[in-house]
Amino acid sequence: MSRKPELRGRAARLAQLFPAGPGQAARTPFVLLVVLLLGGGLIGLLVLNSALSEGSFKLDDLEKQTKNLTDQQQALQRDIDAYSAPDALQRRARELGMVPGGDPAFLDPDGTVKGVPSPAAADVSADPALLLPADPTAASASGSPPPATTRPPAQAQPAPQSPASVPAVLQPASTSTPGR
C-alpha cells in the first residue's frame, strides 16, 4: 500500500489548510452549486437576448407598417386636396350641370325680402344641353321630359318681370323673329 509522503516545513503548513480525506466530499456540493449558478446565468442571458431580438424584429415590422400607413395616409390626403381644389370643384359642378348663381335675395325672419334676385346666367357656349327647347312638344318628342319649374314661396316671390328683362336662355324661342 502506498503511503503519502510526509510534508515538511512550509508544505506541511499549507497542507493543514486543506482538509484531507472525508473533507473532499464536502467540496462537491459547492462546486455543483457554482456550476449550476453559472449555467443558469448563461441560460438566462440567452433567453433575455432572444427576447430582446424578438422585440427588435417586432419593432422593425411595426416601423415598416407605420411607414406604409403614413405613405397611404399622405396619398389619400393628396387625393382629397386634389378633389377639393377650387378648379376641381368648379369642373365637377359643370359636369353636373351647375352654373354660377346670380344675385341673391335675402329673406328676413319677419318675411320681407331684401334685394332683387336674378337668375343664374347659363354658359350656353360651354354646354348646349342647358338650352331650353323652343317648342315644348319637341322636348316630349325627343323623349326627355320638359324642365320642371318651381316657384318660391308666395312671400318671397319677386315682382313679375317683363319678357325683355328675362335672359334669352330662359325665354321660349318664338316661331317668328322680328325683322324678317
N, C-alpha and C. Protein backbone atom coordinates (compact mmCIF):
# COMPACT_ATOMS: atom_id res chain seq x y z
N MET A 1 0.83 -1.17 0.00
CA MET A 1 0.00 0.00 0.00
C MET A 1 0.87 1.22 0.00
N SER A 2 0.33 2.15 -0.69
CA SER A 2 1.16 3.34 -0.79
C SER A 2 0.78 4.34 0.29
N ARG A 3 1.78 4.94 0.76
CA ARG A 3 1.57 5.95 1.78
C ARG A 3 1.89 7.31 1.22
N LYS A 4 1.26 8.30 1.80
CA LYS A 4 1.57 9.66 1.37
C LYS A 4 2.88 10.09 1.99
N PRO A 5 3.64 10.78 1.23
CA PRO A 5 4.90 11.23 1.82
C PRO A 5 4.65 12.28 2.89
N GLU A 6 5.52 12.33 3.82
CA GLU A 6 5.45 13.31 4.89
C GLU A 6 5.92 14.65 4.37
N LEU A 7 5.13 15.67 4.65
CA LEU A 7 5.47 17.02 4.20
C LEU A 7 6.17 17.75 5.34
N ARG A 8 7.12 18.57 4.96
CA ARG A 8 7.85 19.30 5.98
C ARG A 8 7.81 20.79 5.68
N GLY A 9 7.95 21.56 6.67
CA GLY A 9 8.10 23.00 6.56
C GLY A 9 6.84 23.69 6.03
N ARG A 10 7.11 24.46 5.08
CA ARG A 10 6.05 25.28 4.50
C ARG A 10 4.97 24.42 3.86
N ALA A 11 5.29 23.39 3.17
CA ALA A 11 4.33 22.49 2.54
C ALA A 11 3.43 21.86 3.58
N ALA A 12 3.96 21.55 4.75
CA ALA A 12 3.14 20.95 5.80
C ALA A 12 2.11 21.94 6.31
N ARG A 13 2.54 23.17 6.43
CA ARG A 13 1.60 24.19 6.90
C ARG A 13 0.48 24.42 5.88
N LEU A 14 0.81 24.44 4.59
CA LEU A 14 -0.21 24.60 3.55
C LEU A 14 -1.13 23.39 3.50
N ALA A 15 -0.62 22.23 3.73
CA ALA A 15 -1.41 21.01 3.69
C ALA A 15 -2.42 20.99 4.82
N GLN A 16 -2.10 21.65 5.92
CA GLN A 16 -3.03 21.70 7.03
C GLN A 16 -4.24 22.58 6.72
N LEU A 17 -4.09 23.52 5.80
CA LEU A 17 -5.21 24.40 5.45
C LEU A 17 -6.28 23.65 4.64
N PHE A 18 -5.90 22.66 3.90
CA PHE A 18 -6.85 21.88 3.09
C PHE A 18 -7.22 20.61 3.84
N PRO A 19 -8.49 20.35 3.95
CA PRO A 19 -8.86 19.12 4.66
C PRO A 19 -8.49 17.90 3.84
N ALA A 20 -8.13 16.87 4.47
CA ALA A 20 -7.73 15.64 3.79
C ALA A 20 -8.79 14.57 4.03
N GLY A 21 -8.97 13.73 3.02
CA GLY A 21 -9.87 12.59 3.20
C GLY A 21 -11.33 12.97 3.10
N PRO A 22 -12.08 12.77 4.20
CA PRO A 22 -13.52 12.97 4.15
C PRO A 22 -13.93 14.41 3.81
N GLY A 23 -13.09 15.36 3.93
CA GLY A 23 -13.38 16.76 3.59
C GLY A 23 -13.54 16.99 2.11
N GLN A 24 -13.04 16.11 1.29
CA GLN A 24 -13.18 16.24 -0.17
C GLN A 24 -14.64 16.15 -0.58
N ALA A 25 -15.39 15.34 0.08
CA ALA A 25 -16.79 15.16 -0.27
C ALA A 25 -17.60 16.41 0.02
N ALA A 26 -17.24 17.21 0.97
CA ALA A 26 -17.98 18.42 1.31
C ALA A 26 -17.80 19.50 0.25
N ARG A 27 -16.74 19.42 -0.52
CA ARG A 27 -16.49 20.42 -1.54
C ARG A 27 -17.33 20.16 -2.79
N THR A 28 -17.79 18.98 -3.05
CA THR A 28 -18.53 18.63 -4.27
C THR A 28 -19.86 19.38 -4.38
N PRO A 29 -20.68 19.49 -3.34
CA PRO A 29 -21.93 20.25 -3.49
C PRO A 29 -21.68 21.72 -3.80
N PHE A 30 -20.65 22.29 -3.24
CA PHE A 30 -20.32 23.69 -3.52
C PHE A 30 -19.95 23.89 -4.98
N VAL A 31 -19.14 22.99 -5.52
CA VAL A 31 -18.75 23.08 -6.92
C VAL A 31 -19.98 22.92 -7.82
N LEU A 32 -20.84 21.97 -7.47
CA LEU A 32 -22.07 21.78 -8.27
C LEU A 32 -22.95 23.03 -8.20
N LEU A 33 -23.05 23.65 -7.05
CA LEU A 33 -23.84 24.87 -6.91
C LEU A 33 -23.29 25.99 -7.78
N VAL A 34 -21.97 26.16 -7.77
CA VAL A 34 -21.34 27.20 -8.59
C VAL A 34 -21.58 26.92 -10.08
N VAL A 35 -21.41 25.66 -10.48
CA VAL A 35 -21.62 25.30 -11.89
C VAL A 35 -23.07 25.55 -12.29
N LEU A 36 -24.01 25.16 -11.41
CA LEU A 36 -25.42 25.39 -11.71
C LEU A 36 -25.75 26.89 -11.80
N LEU A 37 -25.20 27.68 -10.90
CA LEU A 37 -25.44 29.13 -10.96
C LEU A 37 -24.88 29.74 -12.24
N LEU A 38 -23.67 29.35 -12.61
CA LEU A 38 -23.09 29.87 -13.85
C LEU A 38 -23.90 29.42 -15.07
N GLY A 39 -24.29 28.14 -15.09
CA GLY A 39 -25.08 27.63 -16.22
C GLY A 39 -26.44 28.31 -16.29
N GLY A 40 -27.09 28.49 -15.13
CA GLY A 40 -28.39 29.18 -15.09
C GLY A 40 -28.26 30.63 -15.55
N GLY A 41 -27.17 31.28 -15.15
CA GLY A 41 -26.95 32.66 -15.59
C GLY A 41 -26.77 32.74 -17.09
N LEU A 42 -26.00 31.80 -17.65
CA LEU A 42 -25.80 31.79 -19.11
C LEU A 42 -27.12 31.54 -19.85
N ILE A 43 -27.91 30.59 -19.34
CA ILE A 43 -29.20 30.30 -19.97
C ILE A 43 -30.13 31.51 -19.85
N GLY A 44 -30.11 32.16 -18.69
CA GLY A 44 -30.92 33.37 -18.50
C GLY A 44 -30.53 34.47 -19.48
N LEU A 45 -29.23 34.68 -19.66
CA LEU A 45 -28.76 35.68 -20.62
C LEU A 45 -29.18 35.33 -22.04
N LEU A 46 -29.13 34.05 -22.36
CA LEU A 46 -29.53 33.59 -23.69
C LEU A 46 -31.02 33.87 -23.93
N VAL A 47 -31.85 33.56 -22.92
CA VAL A 47 -33.30 33.81 -23.05
C VAL A 47 -33.57 35.32 -23.15
N LEU A 48 -32.89 36.10 -22.34
CA LEU A 48 -33.05 37.55 -22.38
C LEU A 48 -32.62 38.12 -23.73
N ASN A 49 -31.51 37.65 -24.26
CA ASN A 49 -31.03 38.10 -25.56
C ASN A 49 -32.02 37.73 -26.66
N SER A 50 -32.59 36.53 -26.58
CA SER A 50 -33.57 36.10 -27.58
C SER A 50 -34.83 36.98 -27.52
N ALA A 51 -35.27 37.28 -26.31
CA ALA A 51 -36.46 38.13 -26.14
C ALA A 51 -36.20 39.53 -26.70
N LEU A 52 -35.02 40.06 -26.44
CA LEU A 52 -34.69 41.39 -26.98
C LEU A 52 -34.62 41.36 -28.50
N SER A 53 -34.07 40.29 -29.07
CA SER A 53 -34.01 40.18 -30.53
C SER A 53 -35.40 40.09 -31.12
N GLU A 54 -36.28 39.31 -30.49
CA GLU A 54 -37.65 39.19 -30.98
C GLU A 54 -38.36 40.53 -30.91
N GLY A 55 -38.16 41.26 -29.83
CA GLY A 55 -38.74 42.59 -29.70
C GLY A 55 -38.21 43.54 -30.76
N SER A 56 -36.94 43.41 -31.08
CA SER A 56 -36.34 44.25 -32.11
C SER A 56 -36.96 43.95 -33.48
N PHE A 57 -37.19 42.67 -33.76
CA PHE A 57 -37.82 42.31 -35.04
C PHE A 57 -39.25 42.83 -35.11
N LYS A 58 -39.98 42.72 -34.00
CA LYS A 58 -41.35 43.26 -33.96
C LYS A 58 -41.33 44.77 -34.16
N LEU A 59 -40.38 45.44 -33.54
CA LEU A 59 -40.27 46.88 -33.68
C LEU A 59 -40.00 47.27 -35.13
N ASP A 60 -39.11 46.53 -35.79
CA ASP A 60 -38.83 46.80 -37.20
C ASP A 60 -40.09 46.61 -38.06
N ASP A 61 -40.84 45.53 -37.80
CA ASP A 61 -42.07 45.29 -38.55
C ASP A 61 -43.08 46.41 -38.32
N LEU A 62 -43.22 46.84 -37.08
CA LEU A 62 -44.16 47.92 -36.77
C LEU A 62 -43.72 49.24 -37.40
N GLU A 63 -42.42 49.49 -37.44
CA GLU A 63 -41.93 50.71 -38.09
C GLU A 63 -42.22 50.69 -39.58
N LYS A 64 -42.03 49.52 -40.22
CA LYS A 64 -42.35 49.40 -41.64
C LYS A 64 -43.85 49.60 -41.88
N GLN A 65 -44.67 49.01 -41.01
CA GLN A 65 -46.12 49.16 -41.14
C GLN A 65 -46.52 50.62 -40.95
N THR A 66 -45.91 51.29 -39.98
CA THR A 66 -46.19 52.71 -39.75
C THR A 66 -45.80 53.54 -40.96
N LYS A 67 -44.67 53.24 -41.57
CA LYS A 67 -44.23 53.97 -42.75
C LYS A 67 -45.20 53.76 -43.91
N ASN A 68 -45.64 52.50 -44.11
CA ASN A 68 -46.59 52.22 -45.19
C ASN A 68 -47.92 52.94 -44.95
N LEU A 69 -48.40 52.92 -43.71
CA LEU A 69 -49.66 53.59 -43.40
C LEU A 69 -49.53 55.10 -43.53
N THR A 70 -48.38 55.64 -43.16
CA THR A 70 -48.16 57.08 -43.32
C THR A 70 -48.14 57.46 -44.80
N ASP A 71 -47.48 56.64 -45.62
CA ASP A 71 -47.47 56.90 -47.06
C ASP A 71 -48.89 56.83 -47.64
N GLN A 72 -49.65 55.85 -47.18
CA GLN A 72 -51.02 55.70 -47.66
C GLN A 72 -51.87 56.90 -47.23
N GLN A 73 -51.70 57.34 -45.99
CA GLN A 73 -52.45 58.49 -45.50
C GLN A 73 -52.09 59.75 -46.28
N GLN A 74 -50.82 59.92 -46.61
CA GLN A 74 -50.40 61.09 -47.38
C GLN A 74 -50.95 61.04 -48.79
N ALA A 75 -51.00 59.85 -49.39
CA ALA A 75 -51.57 59.72 -50.74
C ALA A 75 -53.06 60.05 -50.72
N LEU A 76 -53.76 59.57 -49.69
CA LEU A 76 -55.19 59.88 -49.58
C LEU A 76 -55.41 61.38 -49.34
N GLN A 77 -54.54 61.98 -48.54
CA GLN A 77 -54.66 63.42 -48.30
C GLN A 77 -54.42 64.21 -49.58
N ARG A 78 -53.45 63.75 -50.42
CA ARG A 78 -53.22 64.41 -51.71
C ARG A 78 -54.46 64.29 -52.59
N ASP A 79 -55.10 63.11 -52.58
CA ASP A 79 -56.33 62.93 -53.36
C ASP A 79 -57.43 63.87 -52.88
N ILE A 80 -57.58 63.96 -51.56
CA ILE A 80 -58.59 64.86 -51.00
C ILE A 80 -58.30 66.30 -51.41
N ASP A 81 -57.04 66.70 -51.31
CA ASP A 81 -56.67 68.06 -51.69
C ASP A 81 -56.94 68.30 -53.17
N ALA A 82 -56.67 67.30 -54.01
CA ALA A 82 -56.91 67.46 -55.45
C ALA A 82 -58.40 67.58 -55.74
N TYR A 83 -59.24 66.80 -55.05
CA TYR A 83 -60.68 66.84 -55.29
C TYR A 83 -61.32 68.09 -54.69
N SER A 84 -60.72 68.66 -53.66
CA SER A 84 -61.33 69.82 -53.03
C SER A 84 -60.71 71.14 -53.50
N ALA A 85 -59.83 71.08 -54.47
CA ALA A 85 -59.26 72.31 -55.03
C ALA A 85 -60.37 73.07 -55.77
N PRO A 86 -60.33 74.39 -55.77
CA PRO A 86 -61.40 75.17 -56.40
C PRO A 86 -61.62 74.82 -57.87
N ASP A 87 -60.55 74.65 -58.63
CA ASP A 87 -60.75 74.35 -60.05
C ASP A 87 -61.37 72.96 -60.25
N ALA A 88 -61.02 72.01 -59.39
CA ALA A 88 -61.63 70.67 -59.49
C ALA A 88 -63.10 70.71 -59.10
N LEU A 89 -63.42 71.50 -58.07
CA LEU A 89 -64.83 71.63 -57.68
C LEU A 89 -65.64 72.31 -58.78
N GLN A 90 -65.06 73.33 -59.41
CA GLN A 90 -65.76 74.02 -60.49
C GLN A 90 -65.96 73.08 -61.67
N ARG A 91 -64.96 72.30 -62.03
CA ARG A 91 -65.08 71.37 -63.15
C ARG A 91 -66.16 70.32 -62.86
N ARG A 92 -66.16 69.79 -61.65
CA ARG A 92 -67.15 68.78 -61.28
C ARG A 92 -68.56 69.37 -61.26
N ALA A 93 -68.69 70.60 -60.78
CA ALA A 93 -70.00 71.25 -60.77
C ALA A 93 -70.51 71.45 -62.20
N ARG A 94 -69.63 71.84 -63.11
CA ARG A 94 -70.05 72.00 -64.51
C ARG A 94 -70.43 70.66 -65.12
N GLU A 95 -69.71 69.57 -64.74
CA GLU A 95 -70.07 68.24 -65.23
C GLU A 95 -71.47 67.85 -64.76
N LEU A 96 -71.86 68.31 -63.58
CA LEU A 96 -73.19 68.01 -63.04
C LEU A 96 -74.25 68.97 -63.57
N GLY A 97 -73.86 69.93 -64.39
CA GLY A 97 -74.81 70.87 -64.98
C GLY A 97 -75.07 72.10 -64.14
N MET A 98 -74.25 72.35 -63.16
CA MET A 98 -74.43 73.52 -62.31
C MET A 98 -73.80 74.74 -62.97
N VAL A 99 -74.38 75.90 -62.69
CA VAL A 99 -73.86 77.17 -63.21
C VAL A 99 -73.67 78.11 -62.04
N PRO A 100 -72.81 79.12 -62.19
CA PRO A 100 -72.65 80.09 -61.10
C PRO A 100 -73.96 80.82 -60.84
N GLY A 101 -74.25 81.06 -59.58
CA GLY A 101 -75.50 81.70 -59.19
C GLY A 101 -75.53 83.18 -59.52
N GLY A 102 -76.74 83.70 -59.61
CA GLY A 102 -76.93 85.12 -59.86
C GLY A 102 -76.92 85.89 -58.56
N ASP A 103 -77.48 87.10 -58.61
CA ASP A 103 -77.54 87.92 -57.41
C ASP A 103 -78.57 87.31 -56.46
N PRO A 104 -78.23 87.16 -55.17
CA PRO A 104 -79.18 86.54 -54.24
C PRO A 104 -80.14 87.57 -53.65
N ALA A 105 -81.24 87.09 -53.16
CA ALA A 105 -82.16 87.88 -52.36
C ALA A 105 -82.18 87.24 -50.99
N PHE A 106 -82.36 88.06 -49.97
CA PHE A 106 -82.31 87.56 -48.60
C PHE A 106 -83.68 87.69 -47.97
N LEU A 107 -84.08 86.68 -47.24
CA LEU A 107 -85.36 86.65 -46.57
C LEU A 107 -85.14 86.92 -45.09
N ASP A 108 -85.76 87.99 -44.60
CA ASP A 108 -85.65 88.33 -43.19
C ASP A 108 -86.56 87.44 -42.36
N PRO A 109 -86.30 87.33 -41.06
CA PRO A 109 -87.17 86.50 -40.21
C PRO A 109 -88.63 86.94 -40.21
N ASP A 110 -88.88 88.24 -40.47
CA ASP A 110 -90.28 88.71 -40.49
C ASP A 110 -90.96 88.45 -41.83
N GLY A 111 -90.25 87.90 -42.82
CA GLY A 111 -90.86 87.54 -44.10
C GLY A 111 -90.62 88.52 -45.21
N THR A 112 -89.90 89.62 -44.96
CA THR A 112 -89.64 90.58 -46.02
C THR A 112 -88.42 90.14 -46.82
N VAL A 113 -88.43 90.50 -48.09
CA VAL A 113 -87.35 90.13 -48.99
C VAL A 113 -86.45 91.34 -49.18
N LYS A 114 -85.16 91.14 -49.02
CA LYS A 114 -84.18 92.21 -49.24
C LYS A 114 -83.40 91.87 -50.49
N GLY A 115 -83.29 92.82 -51.38
CA GLY A 115 -82.54 92.61 -52.61
C GLY A 115 -83.45 92.09 -53.71
N VAL A 116 -82.95 92.16 -54.92
CA VAL A 116 -83.70 91.67 -56.07
C VAL A 116 -82.93 90.48 -56.63
N PRO A 117 -83.55 89.31 -56.61
CA PRO A 117 -82.83 88.14 -57.12
C PRO A 117 -82.74 88.17 -58.63
N SER A 118 -81.68 87.63 -59.14
CA SER A 118 -81.57 87.49 -60.59
C SER A 118 -81.24 86.04 -60.88
N PRO A 119 -81.72 85.54 -62.01
CA PRO A 119 -81.45 84.13 -62.32
C PRO A 119 -79.97 83.92 -62.65
N ALA A 120 -79.54 82.70 -62.49
CA ALA A 120 -78.16 82.36 -62.82
C ALA A 120 -77.98 82.44 -64.32
N ALA A 121 -76.87 83.00 -64.73
CA ALA A 121 -76.58 83.10 -66.15
C ALA A 121 -75.97 81.80 -66.61
N ALA A 122 -76.66 81.13 -67.53
CA ALA A 122 -76.15 79.86 -68.04
C ALA A 122 -75.10 80.12 -69.10
N ASP A 123 -74.04 79.38 -69.04
CA ASP A 123 -72.97 79.49 -70.03
C ASP A 123 -73.35 78.59 -71.21
N VAL A 124 -74.04 79.17 -72.19
CA VAL A 124 -74.57 78.40 -73.31
C VAL A 124 -73.44 77.85 -74.17
N SER A 125 -72.37 78.59 -74.28
CA SER A 125 -71.28 78.13 -75.15
C SER A 125 -70.59 76.90 -74.57
N ALA A 126 -70.60 76.74 -73.23
CA ALA A 126 -69.91 75.62 -72.62
C ALA A 126 -70.74 74.33 -72.69
N ASP A 127 -72.08 74.45 -72.56
CA ASP A 127 -72.91 73.25 -72.53
C ASP A 127 -74.21 73.50 -73.28
N PRO A 128 -74.36 73.00 -74.51
CA PRO A 128 -75.58 73.25 -75.27
C PRO A 128 -76.79 72.56 -74.66
N ALA A 129 -76.62 71.63 -73.74
CA ALA A 129 -77.75 70.96 -73.11
C ALA A 129 -78.50 71.89 -72.17
N LEU A 130 -77.90 73.03 -71.83
CA LEU A 130 -78.57 73.97 -70.96
C LEU A 130 -79.62 74.79 -71.68
N LEU A 131 -79.64 74.76 -72.99
CA LEU A 131 -80.65 75.49 -73.75
C LEU A 131 -82.00 74.84 -73.57
N LEU A 132 -83.03 75.66 -73.37
CA LEU A 132 -84.38 75.13 -73.27
C LEU A 132 -84.90 74.90 -74.69
N PRO A 133 -85.71 73.88 -74.90
CA PRO A 133 -86.23 73.65 -76.25
C PRO A 133 -87.18 74.77 -76.65
N ALA A 134 -87.18 75.07 -77.93
CA ALA A 134 -88.03 76.14 -78.44
C ALA A 134 -89.49 75.74 -78.40
N ASP A 135 -89.80 74.48 -78.60
CA ASP A 135 -91.17 74.01 -78.65
C ASP A 135 -91.32 72.92 -77.58
N PRO A 136 -92.29 73.06 -76.64
CA PRO A 136 -92.45 72.04 -75.61
C PRO A 136 -92.78 70.67 -76.19
N THR A 137 -93.44 70.61 -77.35
CA THR A 137 -93.74 69.31 -77.96
C THR A 137 -92.48 68.66 -78.51
N ALA A 138 -91.49 69.46 -78.88
CA ALA A 138 -90.23 68.92 -79.38
C ALA A 138 -89.49 68.19 -78.26
N ALA A 139 -89.62 68.70 -77.04
CA ALA A 139 -88.97 68.05 -75.92
C ALA A 139 -89.61 66.71 -75.64
N SER A 140 -90.94 66.65 -75.74
CA SER A 140 -91.59 65.38 -75.46
C SER A 140 -91.37 64.39 -76.60
N ALA A 141 -91.18 64.90 -77.82
CA ALA A 141 -90.91 64.02 -78.95
C ALA A 141 -89.51 63.43 -78.85
N SER A 142 -88.58 64.17 -78.27
CA SER A 142 -87.22 63.66 -78.16
C SER A 142 -87.07 62.65 -77.03
N GLY A 143 -88.10 62.53 -76.18
CA GLY A 143 -88.05 61.54 -75.12
C GLY A 143 -87.65 62.10 -73.78
N SER A 144 -87.15 63.32 -73.73
CA SER A 144 -86.77 63.90 -72.45
C SER A 144 -87.93 64.72 -71.92
N PRO A 145 -88.21 64.68 -70.66
CA PRO A 145 -89.32 65.45 -70.10
C PRO A 145 -89.00 66.94 -70.11
N PRO A 146 -90.03 67.77 -70.17
CA PRO A 146 -89.78 69.22 -70.12
C PRO A 146 -89.21 69.58 -68.76
N PRO A 147 -88.40 70.64 -68.70
CA PRO A 147 -87.80 71.01 -67.42
C PRO A 147 -88.86 71.42 -66.42
N ALA A 148 -88.68 70.97 -65.18
CA ALA A 148 -89.62 71.31 -64.12
C ALA A 148 -89.32 72.70 -63.62
N THR A 149 -90.38 73.45 -63.36
CA THR A 149 -90.20 74.79 -62.80
C THR A 149 -90.75 74.78 -61.39
N THR A 150 -90.05 75.41 -60.52
CA THR A 150 -90.51 75.52 -59.14
C THR A 150 -90.66 76.99 -58.83
N ARG A 151 -91.65 77.27 -58.02
CA ARG A 151 -91.89 78.65 -57.62
C ARG A 151 -91.47 78.81 -56.16
N PRO A 152 -90.87 79.93 -55.84
CA PRO A 152 -90.54 80.18 -54.44
C PRO A 152 -91.82 80.43 -53.65
N PRO A 153 -91.77 80.39 -52.32
CA PRO A 153 -92.96 80.68 -51.51
C PRO A 153 -93.53 82.04 -51.84
N ALA A 154 -94.83 82.21 -51.61
CA ALA A 154 -95.54 83.43 -52.01
C ALA A 154 -94.92 84.68 -51.40
N GLN A 155 -94.48 84.61 -50.18
CA GLN A 155 -93.96 85.83 -49.55
C GLN A 155 -92.58 86.21 -50.09
N ALA A 156 -91.83 85.29 -50.67
CA ALA A 156 -90.51 85.59 -51.16
C ALA A 156 -90.50 85.77 -52.68
N GLN A 157 -91.69 85.83 -53.31
CA GLN A 157 -91.77 85.93 -54.76
C GLN A 157 -91.44 87.35 -55.21
N PRO A 158 -90.51 87.51 -56.16
CA PRO A 158 -90.21 88.85 -56.64
C PRO A 158 -91.34 89.33 -57.56
N ALA A 159 -91.31 90.61 -57.82
CA ALA A 159 -92.31 91.20 -58.71
C ALA A 159 -92.15 90.60 -60.11
N PRO A 160 -93.25 90.39 -60.84
CA PRO A 160 -93.13 89.82 -62.19
C PRO A 160 -92.26 90.71 -63.07
N GLN A 161 -91.48 90.07 -63.89
CA GLN A 161 -90.57 90.81 -64.76
C GLN A 161 -91.12 90.78 -66.18
N SER A 162 -90.76 91.81 -66.91
CA SER A 162 -91.19 91.84 -68.30
C SER A 162 -90.33 90.87 -69.10
N PRO A 163 -90.84 90.33 -70.22
CA PRO A 163 -90.05 89.39 -71.00
C PRO A 163 -88.72 89.96 -71.46
N ALA A 164 -88.60 91.25 -71.57
CA ALA A 164 -87.34 91.84 -72.02
C ALA A 164 -86.26 91.71 -70.96
N SER A 165 -86.66 91.63 -69.67
CA SER A 165 -85.65 91.57 -68.62
C SER A 165 -85.22 90.13 -68.30
N VAL A 166 -85.93 89.12 -68.83
CA VAL A 166 -85.56 87.73 -68.60
C VAL A 166 -84.48 87.36 -69.61
N PRO A 167 -83.43 86.72 -69.21
CA PRO A 167 -82.37 86.36 -70.16
C PRO A 167 -82.92 85.48 -71.28
N ALA A 168 -82.29 85.57 -72.42
CA ALA A 168 -82.74 84.86 -73.61
C ALA A 168 -82.69 83.35 -73.43
N VAL A 169 -81.84 82.87 -72.59
CA VAL A 169 -81.72 81.43 -72.39
C VAL A 169 -82.99 80.88 -71.74
N LEU A 170 -83.62 81.68 -70.86
CA LEU A 170 -84.79 81.23 -70.15
C LEU A 170 -86.10 81.50 -70.89
N GLN A 171 -86.05 82.33 -71.93
CA GLN A 171 -87.26 82.63 -72.66
C GLN A 171 -87.49 81.58 -73.75
N PRO A 172 -88.74 81.18 -73.94
CA PRO A 172 -89.00 80.27 -75.06
C PRO A 172 -88.82 81.02 -76.37
N ALA A 173 -88.25 80.34 -77.29
CA ALA A 173 -88.00 80.95 -78.59
C ALA A 173 -89.32 81.03 -79.34
N SER A 174 -89.56 82.16 -80.00
CA SER A 174 -90.78 82.31 -80.77
C SER A 174 -90.57 81.78 -82.18
N THR A 175 -91.66 81.45 -82.83
CA THR A 175 -91.55 80.87 -84.16
C THR A 175 -91.21 81.92 -85.21
N SER A 176 -91.55 83.15 -84.93
CA SER A 176 -91.22 84.21 -85.90
C SER A 176 -90.22 85.16 -85.26
N THR A 177 -89.30 85.63 -86.01
CA THR A 177 -88.30 86.55 -85.50
C THR A 177 -88.59 87.92 -86.05
N PRO A 178 -88.52 88.96 -85.24
CA PRO A 178 -88.77 90.31 -85.75
C PRO A 178 -87.70 90.73 -86.73
N GLY A 179 -88.10 91.49 -87.72
CA GLY A 179 -87.14 91.99 -88.70
C GLY A 179 -87.02 91.09 -89.89
N ARG A 180 -87.72 90.00 -89.97
CA ARG A 180 -87.65 89.14 -91.15
C ARG A 180 -88.93 89.11 -91.87
